[in-house]
Amino acid sequence: MQQAIQESSQVLVQRYQELLGSGQKRRLLVGVTGGPGSGKSELAVSIAQQVNESCGKEICRVVGMDGWHYSRAELDKFPVSLPQLFKSDGHHLLTIALP
């Protein structure tokens, strides 16, 4: 997994530098998905840490995405409580913000 982290981090840093050099002020969003226990959290956090270390500042953050695709009305109909339903990390989003 270390190789995937390094390669992904390098690509993201390169893309960040390209966007920064072009003067575009946009966010770069990267989705990480997979089944429960597949290592999404570890992968997303590790990539974000490596990107931030490479850039010398925090430009990358991990945002958990579980449940965000449901409306409030849909969530209220679920037979279990939200903490039980979304206790496993299902989806993550890496965001890179340009200054």
C-alpha atoms as a PDB file:
ATOM      1  CA  MET A   1       0.000   0.000   0.000  1.00  0.00           C
ATOM      2  CA  GLN A   2       2.962   2.331   0.587  1.00  0.00           C
ATOM      3  CA  GLN A   3       3.663   2.460  -3.150  1.00  0.00           C
ATOM      4  CA  ALA A   4       0.043   3.422  -3.882  1.00  0.00           C
ATOM      5  CA  ILE A   5       0.241   6.163  -1.252  1.00  0.00           C
ATOM      6  CA  GLN A   6       3.456   7.580  -2.697  1.00  0.00           C
ATOM      7  CA  GLU A   7       2.277   7.445  -6.302  1.00  0.00           C
ATOM      8  CA  SER A   8      -1.100   8.980  -5.474  1.00  0.00           C
ATOM      9  CA  SER A   9       0.513  11.708  -3.396  1.00  0.00           C
ATOM     10  CA  GLN A  10       2.939  12.595  -6.172  1.00  0.00           C
ATOM     11  CA  VAL A  11       0.128  12.860  -8.713  1.00  0.00           C
ATOM     12  CA  LEU A  12      -1.917  15.080  -6.387  1.00  0.00           C
ATOM     13  CA  VAL A  13       1.032  17.358  -5.595  1.00  0.00           C
ATOM     14  CA  GLN A  14       1.798  17.666  -9.310  1.00  0.00           C
ATOM     15  CA  ARG A  15      -1.835  18.513 -10.086  1.00  0.00           C
ATOM     16  CA  TYR A  16      -1.890  21.039  -7.239  1.00  0.00           C
ATOM     17  CA  GLN A  17       1.227  22.723  -8.623  1.00  0.00           C
ATOM     18  CA  GLU A  18      -0.268  22.804 -12.132  1.00  0.00           C
ATOM     19  CA  LEU A  19      -3.474  24.433 -10.888  1.00  0.00           C
ATOM     20  CA  LEU A  20      -1.533  26.861  -8.718  1.00  0.00           C
ATOM     21  CA  GLY A  21       0.753  27.811 -11.623  1.00  0.00           C
ATOM     22  CA  SER A  22      -2.195  28.415 -13.942  1.00  0.00           C
ATOM     23  CA  GLY A  23      -3.756  30.871 -11.508  1.00  0.00           C
ATOM     24  CA  GLN A  24      -6.920  28.827 -11.179  1.00  0.00           C
ATOM     25  CA  LYS A  25      -8.511  28.930  -7.730  1.00  0.00           C
ATOM     26  CA  ARG A  26     -10.313  25.606  -7.660  1.00  0.00           C
ATOM     27  CA  ARG A  27     -10.586  22.680  -5.308  1.00  0.00           C
ATOM     28  CA  LEU A  28      -9.316  19.296  -6.324  1.00  0.00           C
ATOM     29  CA  LEU A  29     -11.628  16.539  -5.068  1.00  0.00           C
ATOM     30  CA  VAL A  30     -10.607  12.894  -4.942  1.00  0.00           C
ATOM     31  CA  GLY A  31     -12.977  10.125  -3.927  1.00  0.00           C
ATOM     32  CA  VAL A  32     -11.918   6.913  -2.183  1.00  0.00           C
ATOM     33  CA  THR A  33     -14.483   4.118  -1.959  1.00  0.00           C
ATOM     34  CA  GLY A  34     -14.492   0.490  -0.893  1.00  0.00           C
ATOM     35  CA  GLY A  35     -16.103  -2.035   1.373  1.00  0.00           C
ATOM     36  CA  PRO A  36     -15.997  -1.938   5.158  1.00  0.00           C
ATOM     37  CA  GLY A  37     -12.531  -2.685   6.525  1.00  0.00           C
ATOM     38  CA  SER A  38     -10.821  -2.366   3.138  1.00  0.00           C
ATOM     39  CA  GLY A  39      -8.418   0.376   4.292  1.00  0.00           C
ATOM     40  CA  LYS A  40     -10.075   3.511   2.908  1.00  0.00           C
ATOM     41  CA  SER A  41      -9.482   5.548   6.051  1.00  0.00           C
ATOM     42  CA  GLU A  42      -5.850   4.533   6.300  1.00  0.00           C
ATOM     43  CA  LEU A  43      -5.270   5.216   2.600  1.00  0.00           C
ATOM     44  CA  ALA A  44      -7.006   8.607   2.605  1.00  0.00           C
ATOM     45  CA  VAL A  45      -5.270   9.826   5.778  1.00  0.00           C
ATOM     46  CA  SER A  46      -1.861   8.588   4.605  1.00  0.00           C
ATOM     47  CA  ILE A  47      -2.200  10.283   1.207  1.00  0.00           C
ATOM     48  CA  ALA A  48      -3.317  13.546   2.835  1.00  0.00           C
ATOM     49  CA  GLN A  49      -0.376  13.466   5.254  1.00  0.00           C
ATOM     50  CA  GLN A  50       2.116  12.824   2.466  1.00  0.00           C
ATOM     51  CA  VAL A  51       0.661  15.571   0.259  1.00  0.00           C
ATOM     52  CA  ASN A  52       0.809  18.053   3.154  1.00  0.00           C
ATOM     53  CA  GLU A  53       4.392  17.062   4.014  1.00  0.00           C
ATOM     54  CA  SER A  54       5.456  17.415   0.374  1.00  0.00           C
ATOM     55  CA  CYS A  55       3.919  20.895   0.147  1.00  0.00           C
ATOM     56  CA  GLY A  56       5.162  22.046   3.542  1.00  0.00           C
ATOM     57  CA  LYS A  57       1.682  23.139   4.604  1.00  0.00           C
ATOM     58  CA  GLU A  58      -1.802  21.747   5.037  1.00  0.00           C
ATOM     59  CA  ILE A  59      -3.506  21.826   1.658  1.00  0.00           C
ATOM     60  CA  CYS A  60      -5.199  18.429   1.821  1.00  0.00           C
ATOM     61  CA  ARG A  61      -7.919  17.229   4.188  1.00  0.00           C
ATOM     62  CA  VAL A  62      -9.928  14.047   4.552  1.00  0.00           C
ATOM     63  CA  VAL A  63     -13.694  14.410   4.793  1.00  0.00           C
ATOM     64  CA  GLY A  64     -15.842  11.394   5.719  1.00  0.00           C
ATOM     65  CA  MET A  65     -18.802  11.044   3.383  1.00  0.00           C
ATOM     66  CA  ASP A  66     -21.052   8.448   5.043  1.00  0.00           C
ATOM     67  CA  GLY A  67     -24.711   9.356   4.867  1.00  0.00           C
ATOM     68  CA  TRP A  68     -24.307  12.636   3.000  1.00  0.00           C
ATOM     69  CA  HIS A  69     -26.074  11.241  -0.052  1.00  0.00           C
ATOM     70  CA  TYR A  70     -29.362  10.786   1.855  1.00  0.00           C
ATOM     71  CA  SER A  71     -31.907  13.520   2.517  1.00  0.00           C
ATOM     72  CA  ARG A  72     -32.971  14.216   6.107  1.00  0.00           C
ATOM     73  CA  ALA A  73     -36.374  12.656   5.342  1.00  0.00           C
ATOM     74  CA  GLU A  74     -34.703   9.436   4.127  1.00  0.00           C
ATOM     75  CA  LEU A  75     -32.397   9.285   7.144  1.00  0.00           C
ATOM     76  CA  ASP A  76     -35.369   9.651   9.500  1.00  0.00           C
ATOM     77  CA  LYS A  77     -36.957   6.520   7.980  1.00  0.00           C
ATOM     78  CA  PHE A  78     -33.961   4.264   8.668  1.00  0.00           C
ATOM     79  CA  PRO A  79     -34.695   1.474  11.186  1.00  0.00           C
ATOM     80  CA  VAL A  80     -31.428   1.995  13.122  1.00  0.00           C
ATOM     81  CA  SER A  81     -29.828   5.081  14.597  1.00  0.00           C
ATOM     82  CA  LEU A  82     -27.354   7.050  12.510  1.00  0.00           C
ATOM     83  CA  PRO A  83     -24.338   6.248  14.694  1.00  0.00           C
ATOM     84  CA  GLN A  84     -25.055   2.515  14.264  1.00  0.00           C
ATOM     85  CA  LEU A  85     -25.725   2.829  10.558  1.00  0.00           C
ATOM     86  CA  PHE A  86     -22.652   4.854   9.695  1.00  0.00           C
ATOM     87  CA  LYS A  87     -20.156   3.633  12.264  1.00  0.00           C
ATOM     88  CA  SER A  88     -17.942   2.110   9.561  1.00  0.00           C
ATOM     89  CA  ASP A  89     -16.100   4.456   7.235  1.00  0.00           C
ATOM     90  CA  GLY A  90     -17.726   3.883   3.856  1.00  0.00           C
ATOM     91  CA  HIS A  91     -16.510   6.781   1.748  1.00  0.00           C
ATOM     92  CA  HIS A  92     -13.897   9.479   2.062  1.00  0.00           C
ATOM     93  CA  LEU A  93     -13.160  12.579   0.078  1.00  0.00           C
ATOM     94  CA  LEU A  94      -9.744  14.170  -0.148  1.00  0.00           C
ATOM     95  CA  THR A  95      -9.971  17.902  -0.757  1.00  0.00           C
ATOM     96  CA  ILE A  96      -7.088  20.063  -1.852  1.00  0.00           C
ATOM     97  CA  ALA A  97      -7.729  23.768  -1.542  1.00  0.00           C
ATOM     98  CA  LEU A  98      -5.719  26.278  -3.513  1.00  0.00           C
ATOM     99  CA  PRO A  99      -4.680  29.427  -1.668  1.00  0.00           C
END
